[in-house]
N, C-alpha and C. Protein backbone atom coordinates (compact mmCIF):
# COMPACT_ATOMS: atom_id res chain seq x y z
N MET A 1 55.40 46.51 141.65
CA MET A 1 54.64 46.38 142.40
C MET A 1 53.19 47.53 142.16
N ARG A 2 52.46 47.51 141.84
CA ARG A 2 51.04 48.51 142.45
C ARG A 2 50.83 49.49 143.42
N SER A 3 51.29 50.86 142.47
CA SER A 3 51.02 51.62 143.75
C SER A 3 49.83 52.44 143.62
N ARG A 4 48.66 52.77 144.29
CA ARG A 4 47.37 53.24 144.86
C ARG A 4 47.93 54.90 144.45
N CYS A 5 46.97 55.55 143.97
CA CYS A 5 47.09 57.06 143.83
C CYS A 5 45.97 57.84 143.90
N GLU A 6 46.02 58.68 145.14
CA GLU A 6 44.67 59.24 145.45
C GLU A 6 44.50 60.45 144.21
N CYS A 7 43.62 61.32 143.40
CA CYS A 7 43.78 61.74 142.62
C CYS A 7 42.48 63.08 143.28
N ARG A 8 42.32 64.34 142.64
CA ARG A 8 41.59 65.28 142.38
C ARG A 8 41.88 66.35 141.42
N LEU A 9 40.80 66.23 140.20
CA LEU A 9 40.78 66.56 139.54
C LEU A 9 39.95 67.74 138.94
N THR A 10 40.25 69.12 138.98
CA THR A 10 39.12 69.68 138.40
C THR A 10 39.40 70.47 137.08
N VAL A 11 38.16 70.57 136.38
CA VAL A 11 38.25 71.17 135.23
C VAL A 11 37.22 72.50 134.37
N ILE A 12 37.93 73.29 134.19
CA ILE A 12 37.28 74.48 133.68
C ILE A 12 37.18 74.65 132.33
N GLY A 13 35.93 75.25 132.22
CA GLY A 13 35.88 75.74 131.07
C GLY A 13 34.32 76.45 130.65
N THR A 14 34.04 76.32 129.93
CA THR A 14 32.33 76.74 129.57
C THR A 14 31.25 76.21 130.14
N LYS A 15 30.38 76.62 129.85
CA LYS A 15 29.18 75.91 130.93
C LYS A 15 29.11 74.59 130.14
N ARG A 16 28.84 74.51 128.69
CA ARG A 16 28.16 73.31 127.61
C ARG A 16 29.96 72.59 127.20
N ASP A 17 31.20 72.97 127.73
CA ASP A 17 32.23 72.18 127.59
C ASP A 17 32.49 71.05 129.14
N VAL A 18 32.41 72.21 130.07
CA VAL A 18 32.46 71.32 130.90
C VAL A 18 31.47 70.55 131.07
N GLN A 19 30.09 70.31 130.99
CA GLN A 19 29.08 69.43 131.50
C GLN A 19 28.79 67.97 130.12
N ALA A 20 29.71 68.16 129.01
CA ALA A 20 30.10 67.31 127.88
C ALA A 20 31.02 66.75 128.69
N PHE A 21 32.23 67.39 129.29
CA PHE A 21 33.75 66.71 130.15
C PHE A 21 32.54 65.16 131.18
N HIS A 22 31.80 66.26 131.92
CA HIS A 22 31.25 65.30 133.06
C HIS A 22 30.47 64.15 132.86
N ASP A 23 29.65 64.41 131.79
CA ASP A 23 28.55 63.61 130.45
C ASP A 23 29.87 62.32 129.80
N SER A 24 31.32 62.61 130.01
CA SER A 24 32.12 61.94 129.38
C SER A 24 32.34 60.64 129.02
N ALA A 25 33.28 60.13 129.34
CA ALA A 25 33.63 58.39 129.58
C ALA A 25 35.03 58.96 130.42
N TRP A 26 35.19 59.79 131.34
CA TRP A 26 36.83 60.62 131.56
C TRP A 26 37.09 59.58 132.73
N GLU A 27 36.18 58.79 133.80
CA GLU A 27 36.09 58.06 134.34
C GLU A 27 37.45 57.03 133.49
N GLN A 28 36.39 56.27 132.67
CA GLN A 28 37.26 54.56 132.23
C GLN A 28 38.60 55.35 131.62
N ILE A 29 38.99 56.49 131.23
CA ILE A 29 39.85 56.76 130.33
C ILE A 29 41.22 56.59 131.77
N LEU A 30 40.56 57.27 132.31
CA LEU A 30 41.62 57.85 133.66
C LEU A 30 42.00 56.75 135.04
N ARG A 31 40.74 55.72 134.57
CA ARG A 31 40.79 54.48 135.23
C ARG A 31 40.62 54.43 136.46
N ALA A 32 39.79 55.57 136.51
CA ALA A 32 39.01 56.62 138.25
C ALA A 32 38.46 55.31 139.10
N ARG A 33 38.46 54.93 140.26
CA ARG A 33 37.84 54.45 141.06
C ARG A 33 37.40 54.71 142.28
N TYR A 34 36.25 54.54 142.69
CA TYR A 34 35.72 55.63 143.73
C TYR A 34 35.12 56.52 143.71
N TYR A 35 35.43 57.10 142.53
CA TYR A 35 34.77 58.39 142.41
C TYR A 35 33.44 58.98 142.98
N ASP A 36 33.84 60.28 143.90
CA ASP A 36 33.67 61.15 144.58
C ASP A 36 33.28 62.77 144.49
N PRO A 37 32.14 63.22 143.30
CA PRO A 37 31.94 64.52 143.03
C PRO A 37 32.45 65.83 144.03
N LEU A 38 33.47 66.58 143.96
CA LEU A 38 33.21 67.56 144.89
C LEU A 38 32.26 68.67 144.42
N GLN A 39 32.18 69.06 143.37
CA GLN A 39 31.34 70.87 142.67
C GLN A 39 31.26 70.52 141.49
N LEU A 40 30.58 70.76 140.89
CA LEU A 40 29.66 70.84 139.63
C LEU A 40 28.93 72.00 139.53
N SER A 41 29.73 73.07 139.10
CA SER A 41 28.70 74.29 138.81
C SER A 41 28.86 74.36 137.64
N PRO A 42 28.53 75.06 136.54
CA PRO A 42 28.42 75.78 135.39
C PRO A 42 29.88 75.80 134.44
N CYS A 43 30.63 76.40 135.20
CA CYS A 43 31.77 76.53 134.60
C CYS A 43 33.16 75.45 135.14
N ARG A 44 32.68 74.59 136.16
CA ARG A 44 33.83 74.27 136.76
C ARG A 44 33.18 72.44 137.26
N PHE A 45 34.00 72.03 137.38
CA PHE A 45 33.97 70.58 137.92
C PHE A 45 34.88 70.04 138.62
N VAL A 46 34.71 69.62 139.87
CA VAL A 46 35.82 69.01 140.53
C VAL A 46 35.39 67.55 141.01
N GLY A 47 36.61 66.80 141.04
CA GLY A 47 36.16 65.49 141.75
C GLY A 47 37.37 64.83 142.17
N GLN A 48 36.95 63.70 142.86
CA GLN A 48 38.33 63.12 143.42
C GLN A 48 38.11 61.40 143.26
N PHE A 49 39.54 60.52 143.23
CA PHE A 49 38.51 59.51 143.05
C PHE A 49 40.17 59.09 143.38
N GLU A 50 40.24 57.53 143.37
CA GLU A 50 41.50 56.76 143.13
C GLU A 50 42.27 56.16 141.46
N VAL A 51 43.57 55.88 141.61
CA VAL A 51 43.87 55.16 140.21
C VAL A 51 45.23 54.11 140.94
N VAL A 52 44.89 53.04 139.99
CA VAL A 52 46.17 52.05 140.44
C VAL A 52 47.16 52.55 139.51
N ASP A 53 48.61 52.06 139.60
CA ASP A 53 49.65 52.56 138.97
C ASP A 53 49.53 53.98 138.00
N HIS A 54 49.21 55.14 138.78
CA HIS A 54 49.09 56.74 138.06
C HIS A 54 49.91 56.43 136.80
N ASP A 55 49.37 57.10 135.66
CA ASP A 55 50.13 57.52 134.58
C ASP A 55 49.83 58.79 133.82
N LEU A 56 50.27 59.65 133.72
CA LEU A 56 49.94 60.84 133.17
C LEU A 56 49.71 61.04 131.77
N LYS A 57 50.42 59.96 131.34
CA LYS A 57 49.52 59.51 129.81
C LYS A 57 48.67 60.01 129.58
N ARG A 58 47.92 58.99 130.30
CA ARG A 58 46.31 59.02 130.23
C ARG A 58 46.10 60.21 130.16
N PHE A 59 46.18 61.34 131.67
CA PHE A 59 45.70 62.41 131.90
C PHE A 59 46.14 63.56 130.22
N ARG A 60 46.64 63.28 130.08
CA ARG A 60 47.22 64.05 128.67
C ARG A 60 46.13 64.10 127.61
N ARG A 61 45.78 62.52 127.02
CA ARG A 61 44.62 61.63 126.34
C ARG A 61 43.50 62.25 125.99
N LEU A 62 43.45 62.37 127.63
CA LEU A 62 41.47 62.92 127.95
C LEU A 62 41.51 64.08 127.62
N SER A 63 43.13 65.33 128.09
CA SER A 63 42.98 66.79 127.77
C SER A 63 42.92 66.42 126.24
N LYS A 64 43.88 66.08 125.69
CA LYS A 64 43.14 65.82 124.00
C LYS A 64 41.95 65.57 123.07
N ALA A 65 41.29 65.40 124.22
CA ALA A 65 39.94 64.69 123.67
C ALA A 65 38.88 66.58 123.82
N HIS A 66 39.38 66.98 124.91
CA HIS A 66 38.83 68.03 125.68
C HIS A 66 39.56 69.29 125.35
N PRO A 67 39.65 69.41 124.11
CA PRO A 67 41.10 70.53 124.10
C PRO A 67 40.89 72.20 124.46
N ASP A 68 38.83 72.02 124.59
CA ASP A 68 38.72 73.33 125.29
C ASP A 68 38.79 73.52 126.32
N LEU A 69 39.07 72.30 127.10
CA LEU A 69 39.50 73.11 128.78
C LEU A 69 40.81 72.95 129.64
N VAL A 70 40.54 73.59 130.58
CA VAL A 70 41.50 73.26 131.08
C VAL A 70 41.30 71.95 132.24
N LEU A 71 42.60 71.03 132.45
CA LEU A 71 42.09 70.49 133.46
C LEU A 71 43.71 70.56 134.38
N LEU A 72 43.16 70.31 135.71
CA LEU A 72 44.07 70.21 136.91
C LEU A 72 44.23 69.18 137.76
N LEU A 73 45.49 67.99 137.53
CA LEU A 73 45.24 67.06 138.56
C LEU A 73 46.23 67.13 139.79
N ASP A 74 45.80 67.24 141.20
CA ASP A 74 46.30 66.86 141.98
C ASP A 74 46.19 65.65 142.85
N PHE A 75 47.86 64.95 142.44
CA PHE A 75 48.23 63.55 142.66
C PHE A 75 48.68 63.24 143.62
N GLU A 76 48.68 62.51 144.77
CA GLU A 76 49.32 61.43 145.76
C GLU A 76 49.81 60.33 145.78
N LEU A 77 51.09 59.80 145.67
CA LEU A 77 51.23 58.06 145.40
C LEU A 77 51.50 57.85 146.47
N PHE A 78 51.18 56.84 147.15
CA PHE A 78 51.15 55.63 147.94
C PHE A 78 52.22 54.27 147.13
N PRO A 79 52.92 53.80 147.67
CA PRO A 79 53.62 54.12 148.99
C PRO A 79 55.23 55.05 148.37
N GLY A 80 55.28 55.66 147.51
CA GLY A 80 55.80 56.33 147.13
C GLY A 80 56.62 57.57 147.96
N ARG A 81 55.25 57.66 148.44
CA ARG A 81 55.45 59.61 149.29
C ARG A 81 55.38 60.62 148.11
N ILE A 82 55.00 60.36 146.79
CA ILE A 82 54.98 61.30 146.05
C ILE A 82 54.08 62.48 145.68
N LYS A 83 53.91 63.44 146.00
CA LYS A 83 52.67 64.62 145.67
C LYS A 83 53.01 65.72 144.56
N GLY A 84 52.24 65.42 143.34
CA GLY A 84 52.27 66.36 142.54
C GLY A 84 50.89 67.33 142.09
N LEU A 85 51.23 67.84 141.08
CA LEU A 85 50.46 68.66 140.73
C LEU A 85 50.26 68.77 139.11
N ALA A 86 49.40 68.49 138.16
CA ALA A 86 49.48 68.28 136.79
C ALA A 86 48.56 69.18 136.03
N LYS A 87 49.09 70.26 134.94
CA LYS A 87 47.81 70.91 134.52
C LYS A 87 48.26 70.52 132.66
N ALA A 88 47.15 70.52 131.93
CA ALA A 88 46.68 70.01 130.82
C ALA A 88 45.47 70.94 129.98
N LYS A 89 46.27 71.11 128.76
CA LYS A 89 45.20 71.71 127.75
C LYS A 89 45.74 71.68 126.62
N ALA A 90 44.65 70.82 125.95
CA ALA A 90 44.77 70.75 124.63
C ALA A 90 46.55 69.62 124.52
N GLY A 91 46.52 68.63 125.32
CA GLY A 91 47.34 67.87 125.15
C GLY A 91 48.85 68.00 125.35
N GLU A 92 48.73 69.53 126.08
CA GLU A 92 50.11 70.07 126.20
C GLU A 92 49.98 70.18 127.88
N LEU A 93 50.66 69.17 128.35
CA LEU A 93 50.80 68.65 129.68
C LEU A 93 52.16 69.91 130.46
N GLU A 94 52.06 70.32 131.59
CA GLU A 94 52.61 71.01 132.33
C GLU A 94 52.54 70.16 133.72
N HIS A 95 53.80 69.54 134.60
CA HIS A 95 53.56 69.06 136.15
C HIS A 95 54.76 69.20 136.83
N CYS A 96 54.77 69.02 137.84
CA CYS A 96 55.76 69.15 139.08
C CYS A 96 55.62 67.97 140.05
N GLU A 97 56.52 67.69 140.69
CA GLU A 97 55.85 66.35 141.81
C GLU A 97 57.63 66.52 142.44
N ILE A 98 57.05 66.52 144.45
CA ILE A 98 57.76 66.66 145.14
C ILE A 98 57.63 64.97 146.08
N SER A 99 59.34 64.87 146.33
CA SER A 99 58.68 63.47 147.19
C SER A 99 58.76 64.03 148.65
N TYR A 100 58.06 63.18 149.47
CA TYR A 100 58.00 63.40 151.33
C TYR A 100 58.76 62.57 151.76
């Protein structure tokens, strides 16, 4: 069964790196749908979107493509009722999930 996942992505880094990320194909890599930008400041980018069949492998791959940035992903899976937080830098991933 395919599950829907609501995501909020925060990207932190230098002005040049954050702008390069924003202009990249990150939405295609994560398979983001219904993207809504929340913040684009010089060293920070925040956006929310939805994905189907959430997969942290794509998040890790995106991090490898932008190794100088810190990527934070806050996500909530439906109908599985799972809330999670993931941090990636240069392909190294830390994450936790809780069920409710």
